[in-house]
């Protein structure tokens, strides 16, 4: 049996979301790519006793963030917009405390963006985007909680 081919969205679908919502989704993709790379390089670079406790978590978060970027890109493309390929600026850092502080700050920015996007998607009646963002927001809040906890121990 041949697999079903997916056709790109028609211009009609572009009207399903406002320009503001599309921009927020693209910003979210850039942020997700940034932290995916950032967390992976932090995972690779960190060593020492404290680093061993954090390395696995950073790697796991990196993979999860890349999955978020993929889901957001698929949704954005469905809505008729081309996803960005450029991450926001990446901060790897030298010291574990600096890494974790930046990671906490980045998660706070993501949480703020996702809450705004959630409200906008709801207001526009885009329940699919709303559901997607709700799930991602939950993950980001867990990441934030982890970074807050890790910072207490560094």
C-alpha atoms as a PDB file:
ATOM      1  CA  UNK A   1       0.000   0.000   0.000  1.00  0.00           C
ATOM      2  CA  UNK A   2       1.356   3.405  -0.974  1.00  0.00           C
ATOM      3  CA  UNK A   3       1.692   6.004   1.772  1.00  0.00           C
ATOM      4  CA  UNK A   4      -0.634   8.953   1.589  1.00  0.00           C
ATOM      5  CA  UNK A   5       1.003  12.086   0.254  1.00  0.00           C
ATOM      6  CA  UNK A   6       0.445  15.259   2.159  1.00  0.00           C
ATOM      7  CA  UNK A   7      -0.264  18.356   0.133  1.00  0.00           C
ATOM      8  CA  UNK A   8       0.951  21.772   1.303  1.00  0.00           C
ATOM      9  CA  UNK A   9      -1.722  24.013   2.783  1.00  0.00           C
ATOM     10  CA  UNK A  10      -3.691  26.214   0.468  1.00  0.00           C
ATOM     11  CA  UNK A  11      -3.705  29.962   0.765  1.00  0.00           C
ATOM     12  CA  UNK A  12      -7.206  29.571   2.220  1.00  0.00           C
ATOM     13  CA  UNK A  13      -5.651  28.152   5.413  1.00  0.00           C
ATOM     14  CA  UNK A  14      -3.474  31.221   5.857  1.00  0.00           C
ATOM     15  CA  UNK A  15      -6.550  33.049   7.028  1.00  0.00           C
ATOM     16  CA  UNK A  16      -7.019  30.617   9.907  1.00  0.00           C
ATOM     17  CA  UNK A  17      -4.507  32.475  12.090  1.00  0.00           C
ATOM     18  CA  UNK A  18      -3.621  36.111  12.568  1.00  0.00           C
ATOM     19  CA  UNK A  19      -0.240  37.497  11.604  1.00  0.00           C
ATOM     20  CA  UNK A  20       0.438  38.007  15.319  1.00  0.00           C
ATOM     21  CA  UNK A  21      -0.202  34.351  16.132  1.00  0.00           C
ATOM     22  CA  UNK A  22       1.968  33.191  13.222  1.00  0.00           C
ATOM     23  CA  UNK A  23       4.789  35.479  14.402  1.00  0.00           C
ATOM     24  CA  UNK A  24       4.533  34.148  17.950  1.00  0.00           C
ATOM     25  CA  UNK A  25       4.759  30.578  16.665  1.00  0.00           C
ATOM     26  CA  UNK A  26       7.838  31.446  14.608  1.00  0.00           C
ATOM     27  CA  UNK A  27       9.433  33.161  17.603  1.00  0.00           C
ATOM     28  CA  UNK A  28       8.719  30.057  19.653  1.00  0.00           C
ATOM     29  CA  UNK A  29      10.432  27.874  17.042  1.00  0.00           C
ATOM     30  CA  UNK A  30      13.542  30.089  17.152  1.00  0.00           C
ATOM     31  CA  UNK A  31      13.577  29.903  20.966  1.00  0.00           C
ATOM     32  CA  UNK A  32      13.115  26.129  20.991  1.00  0.00           C
ATOM     33  CA  UNK A  33      15.972  25.637  18.521  1.00  0.00           C
ATOM     34  CA  UNK A  34      18.156  27.927  20.626  1.00  0.00           C
ATOM     35  CA  UNK A  35      17.675  26.041  23.870  1.00  0.00           C
ATOM     36  CA  UNK A  36      17.900  22.655  22.151  1.00  0.00           C
ATOM     37  CA  UNK A  37      21.386  23.553  20.911  1.00  0.00           C
ATOM     38  CA  UNK A  38      22.279  25.366  24.109  1.00  0.00           C
ATOM     39  CA  UNK A  39      21.308  22.492  26.402  1.00  0.00           C
ATOM     40  CA  UNK A  40      23.029  19.921  24.190  1.00  0.00           C
ATOM     41  CA  UNK A  41      26.316  21.851  24.143  1.00  0.00           C
ATOM     42  CA  UNK A  42      26.078  22.414  27.881  1.00  0.00           C
ATOM     43  CA  UNK A  43      25.549  18.673  28.274  1.00  0.00           C
ATOM     44  CA  UNK A  44      28.596  17.941  26.125  1.00  0.00           C
ATOM     45  CA  UNK A  45      30.883  20.502  27.793  1.00  0.00           C
ATOM     46  CA  UNK A  46      30.105  20.040  31.447  1.00  0.00           C
ATOM     47  CA  UNK A  47      32.230  17.807  33.622  1.00  0.00           C
ATOM     48  CA  UNK A  48      32.967  17.376  37.304  1.00  0.00           C
ATOM     49  CA  UNK A  49      30.917  15.954  40.138  1.00  0.00           C
ATOM     50  CA  UNK A  50      28.089  18.496  39.951  1.00  0.00           C
ATOM     51  CA  UNK A  51      28.051  18.216  36.177  1.00  0.00           C
ATOM     52  CA  UNK A  52      27.284  14.516  36.278  1.00  0.00           C
ATOM     53  CA  UNK A  53      24.057  15.238  38.139  1.00  0.00           C
ATOM     54  CA  UNK A  54      23.033  17.763  35.476  1.00  0.00           C
ATOM     55  CA  UNK A  55      24.346  16.292  32.212  1.00  0.00           C
ATOM     56  CA  UNK A  56      21.560  13.778  31.686  1.00  0.00           C
ATOM     57  CA  UNK A  57      18.872  16.338  32.444  1.00  0.00           C
ATOM     58  CA  UNK A  58      20.359  18.829  29.976  1.00  0.00           C
ATOM     59  CA  UNK A  59      20.518  16.185  27.260  1.00  0.00           C
ATOM     60  CA  UNK A  60      16.934  15.103  27.919  1.00  0.00           C
ATOM     61  CA  UNK A  61      15.712  18.709  27.818  1.00  0.00           C
ATOM     62  CA  UNK A  62      17.618  19.340  24.566  1.00  0.00           C
ATOM     63  CA  UNK A  63      15.820  16.468  22.866  1.00  0.00           C
ATOM     64  CA  UNK A  64      12.453  17.574  24.241  1.00  0.00           C
ATOM     65  CA  UNK A  65      13.003  21.168  23.057  1.00  0.00           C
ATOM     66  CA  UNK A  66      13.845  19.949  19.542  1.00  0.00           C
ATOM     67  CA  UNK A  67      10.593  17.983  19.527  1.00  0.00           C
ATOM     68  CA  UNK A  68       8.768  21.171  20.534  1.00  0.00           C
ATOM     69  CA  UNK A  69      10.407  23.029  17.627  1.00  0.00           C
ATOM     70  CA  UNK A  70       9.318  20.285  15.244  1.00  0.00           C
ATOM     71  CA  UNK A  71       5.695  20.291  16.439  1.00  0.00           C
ATOM     72  CA  UNK A  72       5.524  24.078  16.239  1.00  0.00           C
ATOM     73  CA  UNK A  73       7.071  24.091  12.764  1.00  0.00           C
ATOM     74  CA  UNK A  74       4.562  21.520  11.542  1.00  0.00           C
ATOM     75  CA  UNK A  75       1.684  23.577  12.916  1.00  0.00           C
ATOM     76  CA  UNK A  76       3.029  26.815  11.472  1.00  0.00           C
ATOM     77  CA  UNK A  77       3.529  25.222   8.061  1.00  0.00           C
ATOM     78  CA  UNK A  78       0.006  23.842   8.170  1.00  0.00           C
ATOM     79  CA  UNK A  79      -1.219  27.381   8.813  1.00  0.00           C
ATOM     80  CA  UNK A  80       0.570  28.525   5.654  1.00  0.00           C
ATOM     81  CA  UNK A  81       3.740  30.049   7.079  1.00  0.00           C
ATOM     82  CA  UNK A  82       7.299  28.927   6.514  1.00  0.00           C
ATOM     83  CA  UNK A  83       9.064  28.119   9.810  1.00  0.00           C
ATOM     84  CA  UNK A  84      12.250  29.949  10.675  1.00  0.00           C
ATOM     85  CA  UNK A  85      15.568  28.125  10.520  1.00  0.00           C
ATOM     86  CA  UNK A  86      17.397  30.620  12.724  1.00  0.00           C
ATOM     87  CA  UNK A  87      17.608  30.106  16.485  1.00  0.00           C
ATOM     88  CA  UNK A  88      17.657  33.028  18.883  1.00  0.00           C
ATOM     89  CA  UNK A  89      21.170  33.694  20.346  1.00  0.00           C
ATOM     90  CA  UNK A  90      22.725  30.681  22.054  1.00  0.00           C
ATOM     91  CA  UNK A  91      24.526  30.926  25.405  1.00  0.00           C
ATOM     92  CA  UNK A  92      26.598  27.931  26.395  1.00  0.00           C
ATOM     93  CA  UNK A  93      28.553  29.437  29.298  1.00  0.00           C
ATOM     94  CA  UNK A  94      31.673  28.339  31.136  1.00  0.00           C
ATOM     95  CA  UNK A  95      30.471  27.730  34.693  1.00  0.00           C
ATOM     96  CA  UNK A  96      27.575  25.522  35.691  1.00  0.00           C
ATOM     97  CA  UNK A  97      25.918  28.260  37.746  1.00  0.00           C
ATOM     98  CA  UNK A  98      26.013  30.658  34.767  1.00  0.00           C
ATOM     99  CA  UNK A  99      24.585  27.995  32.478  1.00  0.00           C
ATOM    100  CA  UNK A 100      21.731  27.172  34.823  1.00  0.00           C
ATOM    101  CA  UNK A 101      20.933  30.840  35.489  1.00  0.00           C
ATOM    102  CA  UNK A 102      20.675  31.513  31.745  1.00  0.00           C
ATOM    103  CA  UNK A 103      18.641  28.348  31.215  1.00  0.00           C
ATOM    104  CA  UNK A 104      16.215  29.428  33.963  1.00  0.00           C
ATOM    105  CA  UNK A 105      15.904  32.852  32.335  1.00  0.00           C
ATOM    106  CA  UNK A 106      15.300  31.294  28.911  1.00  0.00           C
ATOM    107  CA  UNK A 107      12.560  29.060  30.308  1.00  0.00           C
ATOM    108  CA  UNK A 108      10.925  32.104  31.918  1.00  0.00           C
ATOM    109  CA  UNK A 109      10.914  33.822  28.516  1.00  0.00           C
ATOM    110  CA  UNK A 110       9.383  30.738  26.906  1.00  0.00           C
ATOM    111  CA  UNK A 111       6.690  30.493  29.582  1.00  0.00           C
ATOM    112  CA  UNK A 112       5.768  34.153  29.046  1.00  0.00           C
ATOM    113  CA  UNK A 113       5.624  33.703  25.256  1.00  0.00           C
ATOM    114  CA  UNK A 114       3.552  30.522  25.519  1.00  0.00           C
ATOM    115  CA  UNK A 115       1.042  32.104  27.881  1.00  0.00           C
ATOM    116  CA  UNK A 116       0.588  34.991  25.438  1.00  0.00           C
ATOM    117  CA  UNK A 117       0.287  32.563  22.519  1.00  0.00           C
ATOM    118  CA  UNK A 118      -2.206  30.451  24.442  1.00  0.00           C
ATOM    119  CA  UNK A 119      -4.466  33.453  25.030  1.00  0.00           C
ATOM    120  CA  UNK A 120      -4.212  34.558  21.417  1.00  0.00           C
ATOM    121  CA  UNK A 121      -4.961  31.094  20.010  1.00  0.00           C
ATOM    122  CA  UNK A 122      -7.994  30.816  22.293  1.00  0.00           C
ATOM    123  CA  UNK A 123      -9.221  34.265  21.307  1.00  0.00           C
ATOM    124  CA  UNK A 124      -8.893  33.337  17.618  1.00  0.00           C
ATOM    125  CA  UNK A 125     -10.686  30.029  18.133  1.00  0.00           C
ATOM    126  CA  UNK A 126      -7.625  28.021  17.085  1.00  0.00           C
ATOM    127  CA  UNK A 127      -8.171  25.093  19.419  1.00  0.00           C
ATOM    128  CA  UNK A 128      -5.511  22.896  17.816  1.00  0.00           C
ATOM    129  CA  UNK A 129      -2.777  25.473  18.360  1.00  0.00           C
ATOM    130  CA  UNK A 130      -4.130  26.106  21.857  1.00  0.00           C
ATOM    131  CA  UNK A 131      -3.892  22.408  22.725  1.00  0.00           C
ATOM    132  CA  UNK A 132      -0.367  22.162  21.291  1.00  0.00           C
ATOM    133  CA  UNK A 133       0.842  25.192  23.243  1.00  0.00           C
ATOM    134  CA  UNK A 134      -0.776  23.959  26.469  1.00  0.00           C
ATOM    135  CA  UNK A 135       1.283  20.769  26.287  1.00  0.00           C
ATOM    136  CA  UNK A 136       4.507  22.583  25.510  1.00  0.00           C
ATOM    137  CA  UNK A 137       3.874  25.117  28.282  1.00  0.00           C
ATOM    138  CA  UNK A 138       3.561  22.289  30.784  1.00  0.00           C
ATOM    139  CA  UNK A 139       6.972  20.938  29.724  1.00  0.00           C
ATOM    140  CA  UNK A 140       8.553  24.395  29.938  1.00  0.00           C
ATOM    141  CA  UNK A 141       7.232  24.891  33.465  1.00  0.00           C
ATOM    142  CA  UNK A 142       8.785  21.547  34.463  1.00  0.00           C
ATOM    143  CA  UNK A 143      12.109  22.621  32.923  1.00  0.00           C
ATOM    144  CA  UNK A 144      11.944  25.916  34.798  1.00  0.00           C
ATOM    145  CA  UNK A 145      11.253  24.117  38.070  1.00  0.00           C
ATOM    146  CA  UNK A 146      14.259  21.852  37.471  1.00  0.00           C
ATOM    147  CA  UNK A 147      16.590  24.793  36.796  1.00  0.00           C
ATOM    148  CA  UNK A 148      15.329  26.632  39.890  1.00  0.00           C
ATOM    149  CA  UNK A 149      15.990  23.521  41.995  1.00  0.00           C
ATOM    150  CA  UNK A 150      19.422  22.914  40.478  1.00  0.00           C
ATOM    151  CA  UNK A 151      20.440  26.523  41.118  1.00  0.00           C
ATOM    152  CA  UNK A 152      19.736  26.010  44.828  1.00  0.00           C
ATOM    153  CA  UNK A 153      22.461  23.341  44.914  1.00  0.00           C
ATOM    154  CA  UNK A 154      25.179  25.089  42.904  1.00  0.00           C
END
